[in-house]
Amino acid sequence: MSLCLAYIVASASMIRFNKFLMNKDRFPYSMCLTSCHMSMSFTLCLVLYLVKPGAFPGVVNCEGKRMLVLKWMAPIGVAFAVSLYTSNQAYMYCSVTFLQFMKEGNVIITFLMSCAAGLQAMNRVRCAIIAWIIAGSAMAVSGEVNFVFVGFVFSQLAECFRAVMGEIVLSGGGLKLDPLSYTLFATCLAVLVGGIITTWDPAIPGALAKWWPYLLPNALLAFVLNMLVATIIKEMSAVGFILAGVCKDIALVLFSTVVFAEVVTAHQCFGFMVALGGVFFWSFLKASPYSQAAMLAARLLRMPPESKMPNENTILLPQTSSTKV
């Protein structure tokens, strides 16, 4: 609970901080801001590794596995960079509230990717909830003038792909990384260098000199957030990480609407509530798969009954006269 609370506070603070910086009169350079975030994470992880290598057991596990590390971490690094860049760029055009509306569909995208990777299983009830959440998310984003579907696809797919791949390498994949080692490997600086070259603006050096007192704590906060994300993915799975993000979205929408007076239409609010209802019902089914509500949903969709998973109270062998006490 404390881990999720720390993530919600850090993530919400990071979003509002990035929104503040990504103003045309401050530091409207999304790729450069992304580079600051990932460079800080890489530098701090490297310093920590040099000072206390024992805090990076995953690095030891990866000795002699350079190609395996490259196979898993290169696509994660690319997805990480794309997700950060597109998210930062979106702050130039959309409100924070609207961006949180869009992210409700991440639960579905992450689940489908997890199914493809063999981490989750599909059934009729889950398909129905997917349609439920998609309908609500579509209602929440409809009517937005600055909504660009291609940008949305790249941003959300990259974020969900990073979460699913992160779950694999943090729990298996032949690596079993710890959060610090994962953060160290995931900062794909080569990709960012190429991005900076293609998006270079002569005004960037002057903006860096002017806004560095804000960029430095922003990058430090990014490092803390990256560590929390890796820890939550390791402890709760990729879907659990996205569900924790839903709680953050609710808090951030309320905060942005009340404090920053961001406009939310009744149509968008209704769609957001519909999507949230689907997400919370999804979470309830995950936590209580054999509850009455879950069984009723399964019967309504004519699903075959599933056998309950054994637990510590399950009798595995039938009792006989010789086993009875």
C-alpha atoms as a PDB file:
ATOM      1  CA  MET A   1       0.000   0.000   0.000  1.00  0.00           C
ATOM      2  CA  SER A   2       2.795   2.419   0.912  1.00  0.00           C
ATOM      3  CA  LEU A   3       4.584   1.554  -2.344  1.00  0.00           C
ATOM      4  CA  CYS A   4       1.483   2.371  -4.398  1.00  0.00           C
ATOM      5  CA  LEU A   5       0.930   5.592  -2.468  1.00  0.00           C
ATOM      6  CA  ALA A   6       4.531   6.668  -3.098  1.00  0.00           C
ATOM      7  CA  TYR A   7       4.091   5.903  -6.808  1.00  0.00           C
ATOM      8  CA  ILE A   8       0.839   7.897  -7.011  1.00  0.00           C
ATOM      9  CA  VAL A   9       2.412  10.948  -5.348  1.00  0.00           C
ATOM     10  CA  ALA A  10       5.627  10.767  -7.412  1.00  0.00           C
ATOM     11  CA  SER A  11       3.855  10.129 -10.717  1.00  0.00           C
ATOM     12  CA  ALA A  12       1.236  12.850 -10.218  1.00  0.00           C
ATOM     13  CA  SER A  13       3.954  15.330  -9.193  1.00  0.00           C
ATOM     14  CA  MET A  14       6.017  14.375 -12.241  1.00  0.00           C
ATOM     15  CA  ILE A  15       3.093  14.928 -14.611  1.00  0.00           C
ATOM     16  CA  ARG A  16       2.266  18.363 -13.220  1.00  0.00           C
ATOM     17  CA  PHE A  17       5.979  19.298 -13.210  1.00  0.00           C
ATOM     18  CA  ASN A  18       6.394  18.259 -16.847  1.00  0.00           C
ATOM     19  CA  LYS A  19       3.222  20.145 -17.785  1.00  0.00           C
ATOM     20  CA  PHE A  20       4.711  23.259 -16.157  1.00  0.00           C
ATOM     21  CA  LEU A  21       8.011  22.935 -18.054  1.00  0.00           C
ATOM     22  CA  MET A  22       6.477  21.996 -21.423  1.00  0.00           C
ATOM     23  CA  ASN A  23       5.159  25.501 -21.952  1.00  0.00           C
ATOM     24  CA  LYS A  24       6.129  27.460 -25.058  1.00  0.00           C
ATOM     25  CA  ASP A  25       7.493  30.217 -22.796  1.00  0.00           C
ATOM     26  CA  ARG A  26       9.573  27.837 -20.623  1.00  0.00           C
ATOM     27  CA  PHE A  27      11.163  24.614 -21.940  1.00  0.00           C
ATOM     28  CA  PRO A  28       9.068  23.250 -24.858  1.00  0.00           C
ATOM     29  CA  TYR A  29      11.659  20.667 -25.971  1.00  0.00           C
ATOM     30  CA  SER A  30      10.201  17.226 -25.269  1.00  0.00           C
ATOM     31  CA  MET A  31      13.115  15.161 -26.591  1.00  0.00           C
ATOM     32  CA  CYS A  32      15.647  17.195 -24.632  1.00  0.00           C
ATOM     33  CA  LEU A  33      13.523  16.880 -21.490  1.00  0.00           C
ATOM     34  CA  THR A  34      13.324  13.127 -22.059  1.00  0.00           C
ATOM     35  CA  SER A  35      17.114  13.032 -22.420  1.00  0.00           C
ATOM     36  CA  CYS A  36      17.496  14.852 -19.100  1.00  0.00           C
ATOM     37  CA  HIS A  37      15.287  12.279 -17.394  1.00  0.00           C
ATOM     38  CA  MET A  38      17.006   9.206 -18.774  1.00  0.00           C
ATOM     39  CA  SER A  39      20.513  10.645 -18.499  1.00  0.00           C
ATOM     40  CA  MET A  40      19.951  11.432 -14.813  1.00  0.00           C
ATOM     41  CA  SER A  41      18.626   7.927 -14.158  1.00  0.00           C
ATOM     42  CA  PHE A  42      21.576   6.338 -15.956  1.00  0.00           C
ATOM     43  CA  THR A  43      24.150   8.554 -14.199  1.00  0.00           C
ATOM     44  CA  LEU A  44      22.750   7.991 -10.706  1.00  0.00           C
ATOM     45  CA  CYS A  45      22.468   4.233 -11.254  1.00  0.00           C
ATOM     46  CA  LEU A  46      26.037   4.120 -12.536  1.00  0.00           C
ATOM     47  CA  VAL A  47      27.333   6.092  -9.526  1.00  0.00           C
ATOM     48  CA  LEU A  48      25.417   3.841  -7.131  1.00  0.00           C
ATOM     49  CA  TYR A  49      26.813   0.790  -8.873  1.00  0.00           C
ATOM     50  CA  LEU A  50      30.394   2.065  -8.539  1.00  0.00           C
ATOM     51  CA  VAL A  51      29.847   2.918  -4.858  1.00  0.00           C
ATOM     52  CA  LYS A  52      27.844  -0.169  -3.862  1.00  0.00           C
ATOM     53  CA  PRO A  53      27.804  -2.895  -6.526  1.00  0.00           C
ATOM     54  CA  GLY A  54      26.086  -5.264  -4.080  1.00  0.00           C
ATOM     55  CA  ALA A  55      22.879  -3.266  -4.585  1.00  0.00           C
ATOM     56  CA  PHE A  56      22.801  -4.486  -8.213  1.00  0.00           C
ATOM     57  CA  PRO A  57      22.493  -8.296  -8.002  1.00  0.00           C
ATOM     58  CA  GLY A  58      20.897  -8.322 -11.437  1.00  0.00           C
ATOM     59  CA  VAL A  59      24.134  -7.081 -13.007  1.00  0.00           C
ATOM     60  CA  VAL A  60      25.958 -10.069 -11.516  1.00  0.00           C
ATOM     61  CA  ASN A  61      23.271 -12.415 -12.865  1.00  0.00           C
ATOM     62  CA  CYS A  62      23.813 -10.963 -16.344  1.00  0.00           C
ATOM     63  CA  GLU A  63      27.545 -11.643 -16.501  1.00  0.00           C
ATOM     64  CA  GLY A  64      28.311 -13.511 -19.706  1.00  0.00           C
ATOM     65  CA  LYS A  65      24.831 -12.766 -21.072  1.00  0.00           C
ATOM     66  CA  ARG A  66      25.493  -9.616 -23.093  1.00  0.00           C
ATOM     67  CA  MET A  67      23.461 -10.708 -26.095  1.00  0.00           C
ATOM     68  CA  LEU A  68      20.568 -11.775 -23.873  1.00  0.00           C
ATOM     69  CA  VAL A  69      20.620  -8.414 -22.098  1.00  0.00           C
ATOM     70  CA  LEU A  70      20.692  -6.612 -25.460  1.00  0.00           C
ATOM     71  CA  LYS A  71      17.841  -8.783 -26.757  1.00  0.00           C
ATOM     72  CA  TRP A  72      15.523  -7.814 -23.887  1.00  0.00           C
ATOM     73  CA  MET A  73      16.668  -4.338 -22.860  1.00  0.00           C
ATOM     74  CA  ALA A  74      17.132  -2.705 -26.286  1.00  0.00           C
ATOM     75  CA  PRO A  75      13.400  -2.818 -27.158  1.00  0.00           C
ATOM     76  CA  ILE A  76      12.530  -1.773 -23.591  1.00  0.00           C
ATOM     77  CA  GLY A  77      14.880   1.213 -23.879  1.00  0.00           C
ATOM     78  CA  VAL A  78      13.367   2.237 -27.217  1.00  0.00           C
ATOM     79  CA  ALA A  79       9.810   1.890 -25.854  1.00  0.00           C
ATOM     80  CA  PHE A  80      10.843   3.852 -22.756  1.00  0.00           C
ATOM     81  CA  ALA A  81      12.203   6.712 -24.870  1.00  0.00           C
ATOM     82  CA  VAL A  82       9.174   6.772 -27.195  1.00  0.00           C
ATOM     83  CA  SER A  83       6.758   6.734 -24.257  1.00  0.00           C
ATOM     84  CA  LEU A  84       8.510   9.621 -22.480  1.00  0.00           C
ATOM     85  CA  TYR A  85       8.911  11.696 -25.644  1.00  0.00           C
ATOM     86  CA  THR A  86       5.316  11.374 -26.814  1.00  0.00           C
ATOM     87  CA  SER A  87       3.956  11.955 -23.288  1.00  0.00           C
ATOM     88  CA  ASN A  88       6.027  15.113 -22.862  1.00  0.00           C
ATOM     89  CA  GLN A  89       5.077  16.357 -26.322  1.00  0.00           C
ATOM     90  CA  ALA A  90       1.388  15.866 -25.531  1.00  0.00           C
ATOM     91  CA  TYR A  91       1.607  18.415 -22.706  1.00  0.00           C
ATOM     92  CA  MET A  92       2.023  21.094 -25.376  1.00  0.00           C
ATOM     93  CA  TYR A  93      -1.452  20.456 -26.786  1.00  0.00           C
ATOM     94  CA  CYS A  94      -3.678  18.722 -24.210  1.00  0.00           C
ATOM     95  CA  SER A  95      -4.670  19.276 -20.610  1.00  0.00           C
ATOM     96  CA  VAL A  96      -3.466  16.908 -17.915  1.00  0.00           C
ATOM     97  CA  THR A  97      -7.060  15.854 -17.246  1.00  0.00           C
ATOM     98  CA  PHE A  98      -7.663  14.802 -20.850  1.00  0.00           C
ATOM     99  CA  LEU A  99      -4.386  12.873 -20.979  1.00  0.00           C
ATOM    100  CA  GLN A 100      -5.456  10.868 -17.923  1.00  0.00           C
ATOM    101  CA  PHE A 101      -8.766  10.082 -19.662  1.00  0.00           C
ATOM    102  CA  MET A 102      -6.849   8.490 -22.523  1.00  0.00           C
ATOM    103  CA  LYS A 103      -4.760   6.278 -20.244  1.00  0.00           C
ATOM    104  CA  GLU A 104      -7.721   4.244 -18.974  1.00  0.00           C
ATOM    105  CA  GLY A 105      -7.375   2.091 -22.067  1.00  0.00           C
ATOM    106  CA  ASN A 106      -3.866   1.086 -20.947  1.00  0.00           C
ATOM    107  CA  VAL A 107      -5.351  -1.654 -18.772  1.00  0.00           C
ATOM    108  CA  ILE A 108      -6.731  -3.321 -21.882  1.00  0.00           C
ATOM    109  CA  ILE A 109      -3.627  -2.819 -24.016  1.00  0.00           C
ATOM    110  CA  THR A 110      -1.389  -4.199 -21.268  1.00  0.00           C
ATOM    111  CA  PHE A 111      -3.661  -7.177 -20.702  1.00  0.00           C
ATOM    112  CA  LEU A 112      -3.761  -8.064 -24.407  1.00  0.00           C
ATOM    113  CA  MET A 113       0.029  -7.815 -24.620  1.00  0.00           C
ATOM    114  CA  SER A 114       0.327  -9.950 -21.480  1.00  0.00           C
ATOM    115  CA  CYS A 115      -1.928 -12.554 -23.113  1.00  0.00           C
ATOM    116  CA  ALA A 116       0.292 -12.555 -26.203  1.00  0.00           C
ATOM    117  CA  ALA A 117       3.334 -13.053 -23.958  1.00  0.00           C
ATOM    118  CA  GLY A 118       1.650 -15.887 -22.054  1.00  0.00           C
ATOM    119  CA  LEU A 119       1.431 -13.940 -18.785  1.00  0.00           C
ATOM    120  CA  GLN A 120      -2.395 -13.699 -18.731  1.00  0.00           C
ATOM    121  CA  ALA A 121      -5.329 -15.730 -20.096  1.00  0.00           C
ATOM    122  CA  MET A 122      -8.371 -14.493 -22.035  1.00  0.00           C
ATOM    123  CA  ASN A 123     -12.003 -15.475 -21.438  1.00  0.00           C
ATOM    124  CA  ARG A 124     -15.493 -14.173 -22.290  1.00  0.00           C
ATOM    125  CA  VAL A 125     -15.915 -12.096 -19.139  1.00  0.00           C
ATOM    126  CA  ARG A 126     -12.638 -10.313 -19.743  1.00  0.00           C
ATOM    127  CA  CYS A 127     -13.615  -9.689 -23.375  1.00  0.00           C
ATOM    128  CA  ALA A 128     -16.876  -8.095 -22.183  1.00  0.00           C
ATOM    129  CA  ILE A 129     -15.015  -5.863 -19.702  1.00  0.00           C
ATOM    130  CA  ILE A 130     -12.566  -4.881 -22.453  1.00  0.00           C
ATOM    131  CA  ALA A 131     -15.498  -3.699 -24.586  1.00  0.00           C
ATOM    132  CA  TRP A 132     -16.880  -1.869 -21.534  1.00  0.00           C
ATOM    133  CA  ILE A 133     -13.642   0.041 -20.882  1.00  0.00           C
ATOM    134  CA  ILE A 134     -13.076   0.797 -24.570  1.00  0.00           C
ATOM    135  CA  ALA A 135     -16.580   2.299 -24.820  1.00  0.00           C
ATOM    136  CA  GLY A 136     -15.995   4.512 -21.799  1.00  0.00           C
ATOM    137  CA  SER A 137     -12.538   5.608 -22.966  1.00  0.00           C
ATOM    138  CA  ALA A 138     -13.882   6.458 -26.429  1.00  0.00           C
ATOM    139  CA  MET A 139     -16.596   8.617 -24.884  1.00  0.00           C
ATOM    140  CA  ALA A 140     -14.039  10.394 -22.671  1.00  0.00           C
ATOM    141  CA  VAL A 141     -11.749  11.386 -25.558  1.00  0.00           C
ATOM    142  CA  SER A 142     -14.432  12.234 -28.123  1.00  0.00           C
ATOM    143  CA  GLY A 143     -14.800  15.882 -29.064  1.00  0.00           C
ATOM    144  CA  GLU A 144     -11.207  16.835 -28.200  1.00  0.00           C
ATOM    145  CA  VAL A 145      -9.855  19.130 -30.924  1.00  0.00           C
ATOM    146  CA  ASN A 146      -6.166  18.389 -30.228  1.00  0.00           C
ATOM    147  CA  PHE A 147      -6.524  14.609 -30.109  1.00  0.00           C
ATOM    148  CA  VAL A 148      -4.202  12.893 -32.618  1.00  0.00           C
ATOM    149  CA  PHE A 149      -4.856   9.155 -32.955  1.00  0.00           C
ATOM    150  CA  VAL A 150      -1.388   8.260 -34.290  1.00  0.00           C
ATOM    151  CA  GLY A 151       0.323   9.991 -31.380  1.00  0.00           C
ATOM    152  CA  PHE A 152      -2.013   8.263 -28.947  1.00  0.00           C
ATOM    153  CA  VAL A 153      -1.221   4.840 -30.428  1.00  0.00           C
ATOM    154  CA  PHE A 154       2.551   5.354 -30.265  1.00  0.00           C
ATOM    155  CA  SER A 155       2.443   6.727 -26.724  1.00  0.00           C
ATOM    156  CA  GLN A 156       0.137   4.140 -25.172  1.00  0.00           C
ATOM    157  CA  LEU A 157       1.537   1.121 -27.018  1.00  0.00           C
ATOM    158  CA  ALA A 158       5.078   2.089 -26.025  1.00  0.00           C
ATOM    159  CA  GLU A 159       4.132   2.518 -22.359  1.00  0.00           C
ATOM    160  CA  CYS A 160       2.238  -0.781 -22.190  1.00  0.00           C
ATOM    161  CA  PHE A 161       4.923  -2.648 -24.123  1.00  0.00           C
ATOM    162  CA  ARG A 162       7.543  -1.378 -21.653  1.00  0.00           C
ATOM    163  CA  ALA A 163       5.413  -2.551 -18.710  1.00  0.00           C
ATOM    164  CA  VAL A 164       4.894  -6.050 -20.119  1.00  0.00           C
ATOM    165  CA  MET A 165       8.509  -6.506 -21.178  1.00  0.00           C
ATOM    166  CA  GLY A 166       9.595  -5.129 -17.809  1.00  0.00           C
ATOM    167  CA  GLU A 167       7.524  -7.758 -16.011  1.00  0.00           C
ATOM    168  CA  ILE A 168       9.220 -10.484 -18.045  1.00  0.00           C
ATOM    169  CA  VAL A 169      12.812  -9.356 -17.368  1.00  0.00           C
ATOM    170  CA  LEU A 170      12.139  -8.509 -13.714  1.00  0.00           C
ATOM    171  CA  SER A 171      10.646 -11.919 -12.999  1.00  0.00           C
ATOM    172  CA  GLY A 172      12.306 -14.157 -15.566  1.00  0.00           C
ATOM    173  CA  GLY A 173      13.449 -13.980 -19.157  1.00  0.00           C
ATOM    174  CA  GLY A 174      16.766 -15.475 -18.052  1.00  0.00           C
ATOM    175  CA  LEU A 175      17.734 -12.203 -16.334  1.00  0.00           C
ATOM    176  CA  LYS A 176      15.666 -11.756 -13.121  1.00  0.00           C
ATOM    177  CA  LEU A 177      16.745  -8.158 -12.698  1.00  0.00           C
ATOM    178  CA  ASP A 178      16.311  -6.028  -9.601  1.00  0.00           C
ATOM    179  CA  PRO A 179      14.808  -2.498  -9.928  1.00  0.00           C
ATOM    180  CA  LEU A 180      18.204  -0.736  -9.883  1.00  0.00           C
ATOM    181  CA  SER A 181      19.735  -3.014 -12.530  1.00  0.00           C
ATOM    182  CA  TYR A 182      16.607  -2.716 -14.657  1.00  0.00           C
ATOM    183  CA  THR A 183      16.731   1.095 -14.521  1.00  0.00           C
ATOM    184  CA  LEU A 184      20.438   1.059 -15.381  1.00  0.00           C
ATOM    185  CA  PHE A 185      19.929  -1.112 -18.459  1.00  0.00           C
ATOM    186  CA  ALA A 186      16.698   0.553 -19.613  1.00  0.00           C
ATOM    187  CA  THR A 187      18.181   4.009 -20.137  1.00  0.00           C
ATOM    188  CA  CYS A 188      18.894   3.681 -23.822  1.00  0.00           C
ATOM    189  CA  LEU A 189      21.039   6.800 -24.328  1.00  0.00           C
ATOM    190  CA  ALA A 190      22.007   6.013 -27.914  1.00  0.00           C
ATOM    191  CA  VAL A 191      18.374   6.313 -29.021  1.00  0.00           C
ATOM    192  CA  LEU A 192      18.058   9.665 -27.286  1.00  0.00           C
ATOM    193  CA  VAL A 193      21.214  11.057 -28.885  1.00  0.00           C
ATOM    194  CA  GLY A 194      19.723  10.298 -32.306  1.00  0.00           C
ATOM    195  CA  GLY A 195      16.455  11.890 -31.229  1.00  0.00           C
ATOM    196  CA  ILE A 196      18.162  15.071 -30.068  1.00  0.00           C
ATOM    197  CA  ILE A 197      19.998  15.391 -33.377  1.00  0.00           C
ATOM    198  CA  THR A 198      16.768  15.104 -35.374  1.00  0.00           C
ATOM    199  CA  THR A 199      14.829  17.496 -33.111  1.00  0.00           C
ATOM    200  CA  TRP A 200      17.632  19.962 -32.323  1.00  0.00           C
ATOM    201  CA  ASP A 201      16.720  23.609 -31.826  1.00  0.00           C
ATOM    202  CA  PRO A 202      19.378  26.373 -31.522  1.00  0.00           C
ATOM    203  CA  ALA A 203      17.419  27.820 -28.598  1.00  0.00           C
ATOM    204  CA  ILE A 204      17.937  24.704 -26.449  1.00  0.00           C
ATOM    205  CA  PRO A 205      21.322  25.736 -24.889  1.00  0.00           C
ATOM    206  CA  GLY A 206      19.911  29.079 -23.774  1.00  0.00           C
ATOM    207  CA  ALA A 207      16.791  27.407 -22.358  1.00  0.00           C
ATOM    208  CA  LEU A 208      18.955  24.879 -20.490  1.00  0.00           C
ATOM    209  CA  ALA A 209      21.012  27.689 -18.933  1.00  0.00           C
ATOM    210  CA  LYS A 210      17.851  29.526 -17.882  1.00  0.00           C
ATOM    211  CA  TRP A 211      15.739  26.648 -16.594  1.00  0.00           C
ATOM    212  CA  TRP A 212      18.357  24.295 -15.097  1.00  0.00           C
ATOM    213  CA  PRO A 213      17.198  25.057 -11.502  1.00  0.00           C
ATOM    214  CA  TYR A 214      13.890  23.449 -12.509  1.00  0.00           C
ATOM    215  CA  LEU A 215      15.282  20.762 -14.815  1.00  0.00           C
ATOM    216  CA  LEU A 216      17.605  19.327 -12.152  1.00  0.00           C
ATOM    217  CA  PRO A 217      14.925  18.497  -9.544  1.00  0.00           C
ATOM    218  CA  ASN A 218      12.645  17.391 -12.390  1.00  0.00           C
ATOM    219  CA  ALA A 219      15.254  14.854 -13.523  1.00  0.00           C
ATOM    220  CA  LEU A 220      15.851  13.697  -9.927  1.00  0.00           C
ATOM    221  CA  LEU A 221      12.122  13.118  -9.525  1.00  0.00           C
ATOM    222  CA  ALA A 222      12.177  11.125 -12.779  1.00  0.00           C
ATOM    223  CA  PHE A 223      14.843   8.827 -11.294  1.00  0.00           C
ATOM    224  CA  VAL A 224      12.745   8.231  -8.164  1.00  0.00           C
ATOM    225  CA  LEU A 225       9.693   7.532 -10.317  1.00  0.00           C
ATOM    226  CA  ASN A 226      11.610   5.092 -12.538  1.00  0.00           C
ATOM    227  CA  MET A 227      12.711   3.180  -9.452  1.00  0.00           C
ATOM    228  CA  LEU A 228       9.162   3.022  -8.107  1.00  0.00           C
ATOM    229  CA  VAL A 229       7.798   1.849 -11.467  1.00  0.00           C
ATOM    230  CA  ALA A 230      10.359  -0.972 -11.700  1.00  0.00           C
ATOM    231  CA  THR A 231       9.633  -2.043  -8.110  1.00  0.00           C
ATOM    232  CA  ILE A 232       5.856  -2.078  -8.629  1.00  0.00           C
ATOM    233  CA  ILE A 233       6.142  -4.053 -11.878  1.00  0.00           C
ATOM    234  CA  LYS A 234       8.354  -6.595 -10.113  1.00  0.00           C
ATOM    235  CA  GLU A 235       6.070  -6.913  -7.077  1.00  0.00           C
ATOM    236  CA  MET A 236       2.620  -6.516  -8.685  1.00  0.00           C
ATOM    237  CA  SER A 237       2.953  -7.445 -12.411  1.00  0.00           C
ATOM    238  CA  ALA A 238       2.447  -5.183 -15.423  1.00  0.00           C
ATOM    239  CA  VAL A 239      -1.351  -5.201 -15.082  1.00  0.00           C
ATOM    240  CA  GLY A 240      -1.028  -4.342 -11.391  1.00  0.00           C
ATOM    241  CA  PHE A 241       1.200  -1.403 -12.286  1.00  0.00           C
ATOM    242  CA  ILE A 242      -1.377  -0.085 -14.762  1.00  0.00           C
ATOM    243  CA  LEU A 243      -4.167  -0.494 -12.195  1.00  0.00           C
ATOM    244  CA  ALA A 244      -2.123   1.507  -9.681  1.00  0.00           C
ATOM    245  CA  GLY A 245      -1.886   4.134 -12.409  1.00  0.00           C
ATOM    246  CA  VAL A 246      -5.689   4.256 -12.565  1.00  0.00           C
ATOM    247  CA  CYS A 247      -5.805   5.378  -8.922  1.00  0.00           C
ATOM    248  CA  LYS A 248      -3.226   8.018  -9.794  1.00  0.00           C
ATOM    249  CA  ASP A 249      -5.345   9.152 -12.744  1.00  0.00           C
ATOM    250  CA  ILE A 250      -8.399   9.657 -10.514  1.00  0.00           C
ATOM    251  CA  ALA A 251      -6.450  11.706  -7.984  1.00  0.00           C
ATOM    252  CA  LEU A 252      -4.785  13.746 -10.730  1.00  0.00           C
ATOM    253  CA  VAL A 253      -8.045  14.455 -12.566  1.00  0.00           C
ATOM    254  CA  LEU A 254      -9.674  15.713  -9.366  1.00  0.00           C
ATOM    255  CA  PHE A 255      -6.615  17.771  -8.433  1.00  0.00           C
ATOM    256  CA  SER A 256      -6.240  19.327 -11.896  1.00  0.00           C
ATOM    257  CA  THR A 257      -9.945  20.141 -12.136  1.00  0.00           C
ATOM    258  CA  VAL A 258     -10.162  21.767  -8.698  1.00  0.00           C
ATOM    259  CA  VAL A 259      -6.750  23.455  -8.379  1.00  0.00           C
ATOM    260  CA  PHE A 260      -5.911  24.293 -12.000  1.00  0.00           C
ATOM    261  CA  ALA A 261      -9.517  24.747 -13.191  1.00  0.00           C
ATOM    262  CA  GLU A 262      -9.059  22.489 -16.229  1.00  0.00           C
ATOM    263  CA  VAL A 263     -12.315  22.168 -18.161  1.00  0.00           C
ATOM    264  CA  VAL A 264     -14.073  18.792 -18.203  1.00  0.00           C
ATOM    265  CA  THR A 265     -17.330  18.402 -20.140  1.00  0.00           C
ATOM    266  CA  ALA A 266     -20.216  16.347 -18.798  1.00  0.00           C
ATOM    267  CA  HIS A 267     -19.804  13.944 -21.735  1.00  0.00           C
ATOM    268  CA  GLN A 268     -16.128  13.358 -20.934  1.00  0.00           C
ATOM    269  CA  CYS A 269     -16.841  12.985 -17.232  1.00  0.00           C
ATOM    270  CA  PHE A 270     -19.494  10.351 -17.929  1.00  0.00           C
ATOM    271  CA  GLY A 271     -17.168   8.434 -20.248  1.00  0.00           C
ATOM    272  CA  PHE A 272     -14.401   8.578 -17.631  1.00  0.00           C
ATOM    273  CA  MET A 273     -16.753   7.182 -14.975  1.00  0.00           C
ATOM    274  CA  VAL A 274     -17.876   4.392 -17.335  1.00  0.00           C
ATOM    275  CA  ALA A 275     -14.254   3.429 -18.032  1.00  0.00           C
ATOM    276  CA  LEU A 276     -13.390   3.580 -14.327  1.00  0.00           C
ATOM    277  CA  GLY A 277     -16.331   1.320 -13.535  1.00  0.00           C
ATOM    278  CA  GLY A 278     -14.960  -1.250 -15.964  1.00  0.00           C
ATOM    279  CA  VAL A 279     -11.444  -0.966 -14.554  1.00  0.00           C
ATOM    280  CA  PHE A 280     -12.628  -1.395 -10.962  1.00  0.00           C
ATOM    281  CA  PHE A 281     -14.808  -4.377 -11.903  1.00  0.00           C
ATOM    282  CA  TRP A 282     -11.763  -5.859 -13.646  1.00  0.00           C
ATOM    283  CA  SER A 283      -9.729  -5.351 -10.460  1.00  0.00           C
ATOM    284  CA  PHE A 284     -12.491  -6.912  -8.364  1.00  0.00           C
ATOM    285  CA  LEU A 285     -12.554 -10.020 -10.560  1.00  0.00           C
ATOM    286  CA  LYS A 286      -8.782 -10.305 -10.314  1.00  0.00           C
ATOM    287  CA  ALA A 287      -8.932 -10.080  -6.508  1.00  0.00           C
ATOM    288  CA  SER A 288     -12.058 -12.269  -6.062  1.00  0.00           C
ATOM    289  CA  PRO A 289     -12.362 -14.578  -9.088  1.00  0.00           C
ATOM    290  CA  TYR A 290     -14.845 -16.882  -7.316  1.00  0.00           C
ATOM    291  CA  SER A 291     -17.124 -14.225  -5.847  1.00  0.00           C
ATOM    292  CA  GLN A 292     -20.868 -14.228  -6.548  1.00  0.00           C
ATOM    293  CA  ALA A 293     -20.487 -11.312  -8.979  1.00  0.00           C
ATOM    294  CA  ALA A 294     -17.786 -13.170 -10.911  1.00  0.00           C
ATOM    295  CA  MET A 295     -19.861 -16.362 -11.046  1.00  0.00           C
ATOM    296  CA  LEU A 296     -22.950 -14.406 -12.171  1.00  0.00           C
ATOM    297  CA  ALA A 297     -20.990 -12.714 -14.972  1.00  0.00           C
ATOM    298  CA  ALA A 298     -19.645 -16.090 -16.077  1.00  0.00           C
ATOM    299  CA  ARG A 299     -23.140 -17.621 -16.132  1.00  0.00           C
ATOM    300  CA  LEU A 300     -24.589 -14.696 -18.090  1.00  0.00           C
ATOM    301  CA  LEU A 301     -21.887 -15.153 -20.733  1.00  0.00           C
ATOM    302  CA  ARG A 302     -22.337 -18.957 -20.687  1.00  0.00           C
ATOM    303  CA  MET A 303     -18.780 -19.638 -19.630  1.00  0.00           C
ATOM    304  CA  PRO A 304     -17.931 -23.203 -18.606  1.00  0.00           C
ATOM    305  CA  PRO A 305     -17.261 -23.520 -14.857  1.00  0.00           C
ATOM    306  CA  GLU A 306     -13.631 -23.225 -13.842  1.00  0.00           C
ATOM    307  CA  SER A 307     -12.095 -25.344 -11.137  1.00  0.00           C
ATOM    308  CA  LYS A 308     -10.791 -23.414  -8.169  1.00  0.00           C
ATOM    309  CA  MET A 309      -7.061 -23.116  -7.744  1.00  0.00           C
ATOM    310  CA  PRO A 310      -5.753 -25.067  -4.725  1.00  0.00           C
ATOM    311  CA  ASN A 311      -4.627 -23.152  -1.628  1.00  0.00           C
ATOM    312  CA  GLU A 312      -3.129 -24.062   1.730  1.00  0.00           C
ATOM    313  CA  ASN A 313      -6.521 -25.354   2.975  1.00  0.00           C
ATOM    314  CA  THR A 314      -7.211 -27.564  -0.051  1.00  0.00           C
ATOM    315  CA  ILE A 315      -7.120 -31.327   0.548  1.00  0.00           C
ATOM    316  CA  LEU A 316      -4.933 -32.664  -2.247  1.00  0.00           C
ATOM    317  CA  LEU A 317      -5.407 -36.380  -1.537  1.00  0.00           C
ATOM    318  CA  PRO A 318      -8.686 -38.088  -0.653  1.00  0.00           C
ATOM    319  CA  GLN A 319      -8.857 -39.166   2.964  1.00  0.00           C
ATOM    320  CA  THR A 320      -8.797 -42.896   3.672  1.00  0.00           C
ATOM    321  CA  SER A 321      -9.021 -44.861   6.870  1.00  0.00           C
ATOM    322  CA  SER A 322      -5.229 -44.891   7.104  1.00  0.00           C
ATOM    323  CA  THR A 323      -4.913 -41.093   6.691  1.00  0.00           C
ATOM    324  CA  LYS A 324      -7.713 -40.129   9.087  1.00  0.00           C
ATOM    325  CA  VAL A 325      -6.586 -39.141  12.575  1.00  0.00           C
END
